[in-house]
Amino acid sequence: MEVSDEIRTTASEKTRRRAELLFASVTVARSTSFIFAKIGLTAFGVFSLLGIRFLIAFLILAVIFHRRLFQIDKKTLLLGFLMGAALFAVMSTEFAALKTVSASETSLIENMAIVFVPLFEAFLLRRRPGALSMVCAAVAFAGVVLLTMKDGFGIALTPGEIFCFAAAVTFSVSLILNQRCAQKADPLNLGIIQVGTMGLLAQICAFLFESPSLPAGGMDWFIVLYLAVVCTCFGFTLQPVAQKHMSSERASLLSALNPLCAAVLSMIFLKENLGLLGFIGAALILIAIMIPTVLAAAKKQE
């Protein structure tokens, strides 16, 4: 009996590690979206770019997984719509911020979700946040603050920075919602419905508030297709699959990879200077991500 329990524990640990690796991969993929979206928003409106990006991604996913889509029940459809609405709130505020705020600062402030998720979880479950979660959140948050301070972040907030904080709050809600929904229905189908809902809502808003148009040239098409395939088909659809086997608090900590990668890529491609404080902040974020893994490994060897 003990051997059987040990086998199940080992299998569960391997599943969790694979889920964390997948989540880290989709997070890194999504971090590149800040660069391409920043460039794309010079030619598109917020909702127009979101609409065409997510609808193309949905069409690709529908072709690849058309057999699975025929198996979707009402429960999965409803949960997917709910997740898509939450994602729409995240992406709308994020893209609105990118209109006036640098890609690195947008990503960094948005990922204050690292701090918000444990607090929201504690409120929902009516319990105090775990000590380890709060320590990791505090360290990661310190890293985000240092990364942000490299640009001279102050108390006076611009409209763009307010959108960044709105994105942080909605991203926290989305992470928690995804984790709970992934336990109740097929996570891949949820991800596909989420992407389709996101695209539909964005396209409706594009027709209501903007003048939607198709990409005008090769570079515009490249940006849209990259955002659709890499950042959406892979980056968003597989997130619920990963979150099925991990806590939303752990997901929020791994999400710290997003501002780290976005800051580095922004420095390389958009010439946004990371600076000394930025490098220190990046190190703190990595430490926060590694603390639970290192402690878990040490405890296993005891």
Protein backbone atom coordinates (compact mmCIF):
# COMPACT_ATOMS: atom_id res chain seq x y z
CA MET A 1 0.00 0.00 0.00
CA GLU A 2 2.86 2.34 0.89
CA VAL A 3 4.61 1.56 -2.41
CA SER A 4 1.42 2.33 -4.32
CA ASP A 5 1.02 5.66 -2.50
CA GLU A 6 4.64 6.52 -3.25
CA ILE A 7 4.14 5.77 -6.96
CA ARG A 8 1.05 7.97 -7.06
CA THR A 9 2.92 10.77 -5.27
CA THR A 10 5.84 10.54 -7.71
CA ALA A 11 3.47 10.57 -10.71
CA SER A 12 1.62 13.55 -9.27
CA GLU A 13 4.91 15.40 -8.73
CA LYS A 14 5.98 14.73 -12.33
CA THR A 15 2.62 15.95 -13.61
CA ARG A 16 2.94 19.13 -11.56
CA ARG A 17 6.45 19.78 -12.85
CA ARG A 18 5.35 19.26 -16.47
CA ALA A 19 2.43 21.62 -15.87
CA GLU A 20 4.77 24.26 -14.45
CA LEU A 21 7.15 23.86 -17.42
CA LEU A 22 4.22 24.25 -19.83
CA PHE A 23 2.93 27.30 -17.96
CA ALA A 24 6.41 28.85 -17.97
CA SER A 25 6.66 28.21 -21.72
CA VAL A 26 3.33 29.85 -22.54
CA THR A 27 4.23 32.76 -20.26
CA VAL A 28 7.51 33.35 -22.10
CA ALA A 29 5.69 33.08 -25.45
CA ARG A 30 3.14 35.64 -24.29
CA SER A 31 5.87 38.00 -23.11
CA THR A 32 6.88 38.53 -26.74
CA SER A 33 3.36 39.80 -27.46
CA PHE A 34 4.16 43.09 -25.70
CA ILE A 35 6.82 43.84 -28.31
CA PHE A 36 4.72 42.92 -31.34
CA ALA A 37 1.56 44.51 -29.94
CA LYS A 38 3.41 47.77 -29.23
CA ILE A 39 4.50 47.88 -32.88
CA GLY A 40 1.13 46.69 -34.20
CA LEU A 41 -0.82 49.37 -32.31
CA THR A 42 0.80 52.03 -34.50
CA ALA A 43 -1.32 50.72 -37.39
CA PHE A 44 -4.39 49.26 -35.61
CA GLY A 45 -6.89 50.32 -32.99
CA VAL A 46 -6.91 48.43 -29.67
CA PHE A 47 -10.03 46.39 -30.39
CA SER A 48 -9.25 45.93 -34.08
CA LEU A 49 -5.88 44.32 -33.35
CA LEU A 50 -7.33 42.17 -30.59
CA GLY A 51 -10.28 41.09 -32.72
CA ILE A 52 -8.35 39.98 -35.80
CA ARG A 53 -5.63 38.36 -33.68
CA PHE A 54 -7.95 36.22 -31.59
CA LEU A 55 -10.40 35.35 -34.37
CA ILE A 56 -7.57 34.09 -36.59
CA ALA A 57 -6.27 32.07 -33.65
CA PHE A 58 -9.73 30.62 -33.04
CA LEU A 59 -10.09 29.59 -36.70
CA ILE A 60 -6.72 27.84 -36.59
CA LEU A 61 -7.65 26.01 -33.39
CA ALA A 62 -11.10 25.10 -34.74
CA VAL A 63 -9.51 23.46 -37.79
CA ILE A 64 -6.94 21.54 -35.75
CA PHE A 65 -9.31 20.43 -32.97
CA HIS A 66 -12.64 20.34 -34.85
CA ARG A 67 -13.47 16.84 -33.54
CA ARG A 68 -13.06 17.99 -29.93
CA LEU A 69 -15.30 20.99 -30.52
CA PHE A 70 -18.22 18.72 -31.44
CA GLN A 71 -17.90 17.18 -27.96
CA ILE A 72 -18.27 20.46 -26.09
CA ASP A 73 -21.22 20.51 -23.69
CA LYS A 74 -23.17 23.46 -22.30
CA LYS A 75 -21.11 23.55 -19.11
CA THR A 76 -17.81 23.82 -21.00
CA LEU A 77 -19.31 26.44 -23.30
CA LEU A 78 -20.51 28.57 -20.39
CA LEU A 79 -17.21 28.33 -18.50
CA GLY A 80 -15.28 29.11 -21.68
CA PHE A 81 -17.43 32.21 -22.28
CA LEU A 82 -16.77 33.32 -18.70
CA MET A 83 -13.02 32.86 -19.11
CA GLY A 84 -13.13 34.69 -22.45
CA ALA A 85 -14.92 37.65 -20.90
CA ALA A 86 -12.26 37.84 -18.16
CA LEU A 87 -9.51 37.62 -20.78
CA PHE A 88 -11.18 40.40 -22.76
CA ALA A 89 -10.97 42.65 -19.70
CA VAL A 90 -7.27 41.82 -19.28
CA MET A 91 -6.29 42.31 -22.92
CA SER A 92 -8.35 45.47 -23.44
CA THR A 93 -6.76 47.26 -20.51
CA GLU A 94 -3.31 45.91 -21.44
CA PHE A 95 -3.53 47.14 -25.05
CA ALA A 96 -4.98 50.48 -23.95
CA ALA A 97 -1.93 50.88 -21.71
CA LEU A 98 0.47 49.95 -24.52
CA LYS A 99 -0.85 52.89 -26.55
CA THR A 100 0.96 55.35 -24.26
CA VAL A 101 3.19 53.30 -21.90
CA SER A 102 6.36 51.37 -22.74
CA ALA A 103 6.10 47.62 -23.31
CA SER A 104 8.35 46.83 -20.33
CA GLU A 105 6.47 49.07 -17.88
CA THR A 106 3.10 47.72 -19.03
CA SER A 107 4.20 44.14 -18.45
CA LEU A 108 5.80 44.93 -15.11
CA ILE A 109 2.86 46.77 -13.58
CA GLU A 110 0.37 44.25 -14.97
CA ASN A 111 2.24 41.44 -13.27
CA MET A 112 1.58 42.93 -9.86
CA ALA A 113 -0.98 40.11 -10.10
CA ILE A 114 1.83 38.21 -8.36
CA VAL A 115 0.78 40.02 -5.20
CA PHE A 116 -2.94 40.22 -5.81
CA VAL A 117 -3.62 36.50 -6.44
CA PRO A 118 -2.67 35.22 -2.93
CA LEU A 119 -4.67 38.04 -1.39
CA PHE A 120 -7.72 37.37 -3.57
CA GLU A 121 -7.43 33.63 -2.89
CA ALA A 122 -7.29 34.24 0.84
CA PHE A 123 -10.37 36.45 0.64
CA LEU A 124 -12.33 33.90 -1.40
CA LEU A 125 -11.39 31.00 0.88
CA ARG A 126 -11.67 33.11 4.05
CA ARG A 127 -8.23 32.15 5.25
CA ARG A 128 -4.91 33.83 5.84
CA PRO A 129 -2.42 33.61 2.93
CA GLY A 130 0.33 31.01 3.38
CA ALA A 131 3.61 32.37 4.72
CA LEU A 132 5.64 30.98 1.81
CA SER A 133 3.23 32.43 -0.76
CA MET A 134 3.42 35.86 0.85
CA VAL A 135 7.22 35.79 1.09
CA CYS A 136 7.54 34.79 -2.57
CA ALA A 137 4.96 37.39 -3.57
CA ALA A 138 6.79 40.09 -1.59
CA VAL A 139 10.15 39.21 -3.17
CA ALA A 140 8.67 39.08 -6.66
CA PHE A 141 6.81 42.33 -6.08
CA ALA A 142 10.05 43.98 -4.94
CA GLY A 143 11.59 42.82 -8.19
CA VAL A 144 8.71 44.27 -10.20
CA VAL A 145 9.05 47.58 -8.31
CA LEU A 146 12.78 47.76 -9.04
CA LEU A 147 12.22 46.95 -12.69
CA THR A 148 9.62 49.70 -12.87
CA MET A 149 11.79 52.21 -11.02
CA LYS A 150 14.37 52.04 -13.78
CA ASP A 151 12.09 54.34 -15.78
CA GLY A 152 11.63 56.73 -12.87
CA PHE A 153 8.24 55.44 -11.77
CA GLY A 154 6.55 57.91 -9.45
CA ILE A 155 3.36 58.38 -7.47
CA ALA A 156 1.61 60.52 -10.10
CA LEU A 157 -0.08 58.01 -12.40
CA THR A 158 -0.73 58.63 -16.08
CA PRO A 159 -3.92 57.26 -17.72
CA GLY A 160 -1.76 54.56 -19.33
CA GLU A 161 -0.40 53.46 -15.96
CA ILE A 162 -3.93 53.34 -14.54
CA PHE A 163 -4.83 50.97 -17.38
CA CYS A 164 -1.76 48.92 -16.37
CA PHE A 165 -3.04 48.54 -12.81
CA ALA A 166 -6.50 47.66 -14.13
CA ALA A 167 -4.82 44.95 -16.21
CA ALA A 168 -3.08 43.67 -13.06
CA VAL A 169 -6.38 43.32 -11.20
CA THR A 170 -8.21 41.67 -14.10
CA PHE A 171 -5.24 39.37 -14.76
CA SER A 172 -5.40 38.20 -11.14
CA VAL A 173 -9.10 37.42 -11.51
CA SER A 174 -8.43 35.62 -14.80
CA LEU A 175 -5.72 33.41 -13.25
CA ILE A 176 -7.99 32.36 -10.38
CA LEU A 177 -10.95 31.81 -12.69
CA ASN A 178 -8.89 29.71 -15.13
CA GLN A 179 -7.63 27.47 -12.34
CA ARG A 180 -11.13 26.81 -11.04
CA CYS A 181 -12.73 26.30 -14.45
CA ALA A 182 -9.96 23.90 -15.52
CA GLN A 183 -11.00 21.59 -12.69
CA LYS A 184 -14.61 21.40 -13.96
CA ALA A 185 -14.25 20.85 -17.72
CA ASP A 186 -11.81 19.84 -20.45
CA PRO A 187 -9.07 22.53 -20.23
CA LEU A 188 -8.16 22.45 -23.92
CA ASN A 189 -11.76 22.99 -25.01
CA LEU A 190 -12.03 25.75 -22.42
CA GLY A 191 -8.97 27.43 -23.91
CA ILE A 192 -10.40 27.28 -27.43
CA ILE A 193 -13.77 28.74 -26.37
CA GLN A 194 -11.94 31.39 -24.36
CA VAL A 195 -9.98 32.50 -27.43
CA GLY A 196 -13.11 32.58 -29.61
CA THR A 197 -15.08 34.58 -27.04
CA MET A 198 -12.22 37.02 -26.66
CA GLY A 199 -12.04 37.57 -30.43
CA LEU A 200 -15.82 37.97 -30.79
CA LEU A 201 -16.07 40.56 -28.00
CA ALA A 202 -13.10 42.51 -29.35
CA GLN A 203 -14.49 42.52 -32.89
CA ILE A 204 -17.88 43.75 -31.69
CA CYS A 205 -16.15 46.62 -29.85
CA ALA A 206 -14.02 47.35 -32.93
CA PHE A 207 -17.17 47.89 -35.04
CA LEU A 208 -18.77 49.98 -32.27
CA PHE A 209 -15.83 52.22 -31.34
CA GLU A 210 -13.26 52.00 -34.17
CA SER A 211 -12.99 51.56 -37.94
CA PRO A 212 -11.75 47.97 -38.28
CA SER A 213 -9.59 47.08 -41.28
CA LEU A 214 -7.40 44.23 -42.51
CA PRO A 215 -3.59 44.41 -42.33
CA ALA A 216 -2.27 46.69 -45.09
CA GLY A 217 1.11 45.13 -45.80
CA GLY A 218 3.46 42.22 -45.23
CA MET A 219 4.81 43.49 -41.90
CA ASP A 220 1.30 44.09 -40.55
CA TRP A 221 0.29 40.55 -41.54
CA PHE A 222 3.44 39.13 -39.93
CA ILE A 223 2.68 40.90 -36.64
CA VAL A 224 -0.96 39.76 -36.64
CA LEU A 225 -0.10 36.14 -37.51
CA TYR A 226 2.69 35.98 -34.93
CA LEU A 227 0.35 37.29 -32.24
CA ALA A 228 -2.35 34.84 -33.37
CA VAL A 229 -0.23 31.68 -33.66
CA VAL A 230 2.56 32.00 -31.09
CA CYS A 231 1.08 34.28 -28.46
CA THR A 232 -2.55 33.13 -28.70
CA CYS A 233 -2.86 29.58 -30.10
CA PHE A 234 0.04 28.46 -27.93
CA GLY A 235 0.21 31.16 -25.27
CA PHE A 236 -3.44 31.31 -24.20
CA THR A 237 -5.04 28.03 -25.29
CA LEU A 238 -2.65 25.82 -23.34
CA GLN A 239 -2.70 27.93 -20.17
CA PRO A 240 -5.83 26.22 -18.76
CA VAL A 241 -4.22 22.84 -19.55
CA ALA A 242 -1.25 23.77 -17.38
CA GLN A 243 -3.35 25.33 -14.61
CA LYS A 244 -5.38 22.15 -14.19
CA HIS A 245 -2.40 20.65 -12.32
CA MET A 246 -1.15 23.64 -10.34
CA SER A 247 -2.43 26.24 -7.89
CA SER A 248 -3.36 29.74 -9.02
CA GLU A 249 -0.84 31.13 -6.50
CA ARG A 250 1.99 29.15 -8.15
CA ALA A 251 0.74 30.27 -11.56
CA SER A 252 0.87 33.90 -10.47
CA LEU A 253 4.51 33.48 -9.37
CA LEU A 254 5.53 31.81 -12.63
CA SER A 255 3.83 34.71 -14.38
CA ALA A 256 6.73 36.83 -13.13
CA LEU A 257 8.66 35.39 -16.09
CA ASN A 258 6.46 37.59 -18.26
CA PRO A 259 7.79 40.99 -17.10
CA LEU A 260 11.33 39.61 -16.92
CA CYS A 261 11.31 38.43 -20.54
CA ALA A 262 9.34 41.45 -21.75
CA ALA A 263 11.84 43.83 -20.13
CA VAL A 264 14.82 42.05 -21.71
CA LEU A 265 13.17 41.88 -25.14
CA SER A 266 12.11 45.52 -24.91
CA MET A 267 15.68 46.46 -24.12
CA ILE A 268 16.97 44.53 -27.15
CA PHE A 269 14.35 45.35 -29.79
CA LEU A 270 12.71 48.58 -28.61
CA LYS A 271 15.86 50.06 -27.02
CA GLU A 272 14.17 50.41 -23.60
CA ASN A 273 17.01 50.53 -21.09
CA LEU A 274 16.80 47.96 -18.27
CA GLY A 275 19.39 49.61 -16.01
CA LEU A 276 21.07 48.40 -12.82
CA LEU A 277 17.89 48.40 -10.75
CA GLY A 278 16.20 46.47 -13.53
CA PHE A 279 18.79 43.71 -13.41
CA ILE A 280 18.47 43.52 -9.61
CA GLY A 281 14.69 43.33 -9.99
CA ALA A 282 15.03 40.54 -12.54
CA ALA A 283 17.20 38.57 -10.12
CA LEU A 284 14.62 38.99 -7.34
CA ILE A 285 11.86 37.71 -9.62
CA LEU A 286 13.87 34.60 -10.45
CA ILE A 287 14.57 34.01 -6.75
CA ALA A 288 10.85 34.29 -5.96
CA ILE A 289 10.04 31.75 -8.65
CA MET A 290 12.69 29.29 -7.48
CA ILE A 291 12.03 29.43 -3.71
CA PRO A 292 9.08 26.95 -3.68
CA THR A 293 10.87 24.54 -6.02
CA VAL A 294 14.11 24.56 -4.01
CA LEU A 295 12.31 24.13 -0.70
CA ALA A 296 10.19 21.29 -2.10
CA ALA A 297 13.32 19.52 -3.38
CA ALA A 298 15.10 19.96 -0.03
CA LYS A 299 12.09 18.62 1.87
CA LYS A 300 11.93 15.57 -0.42
CA GLN A 301 15.58 14.70 0.32
CA GLU A 302 15.05 14.78 4.10
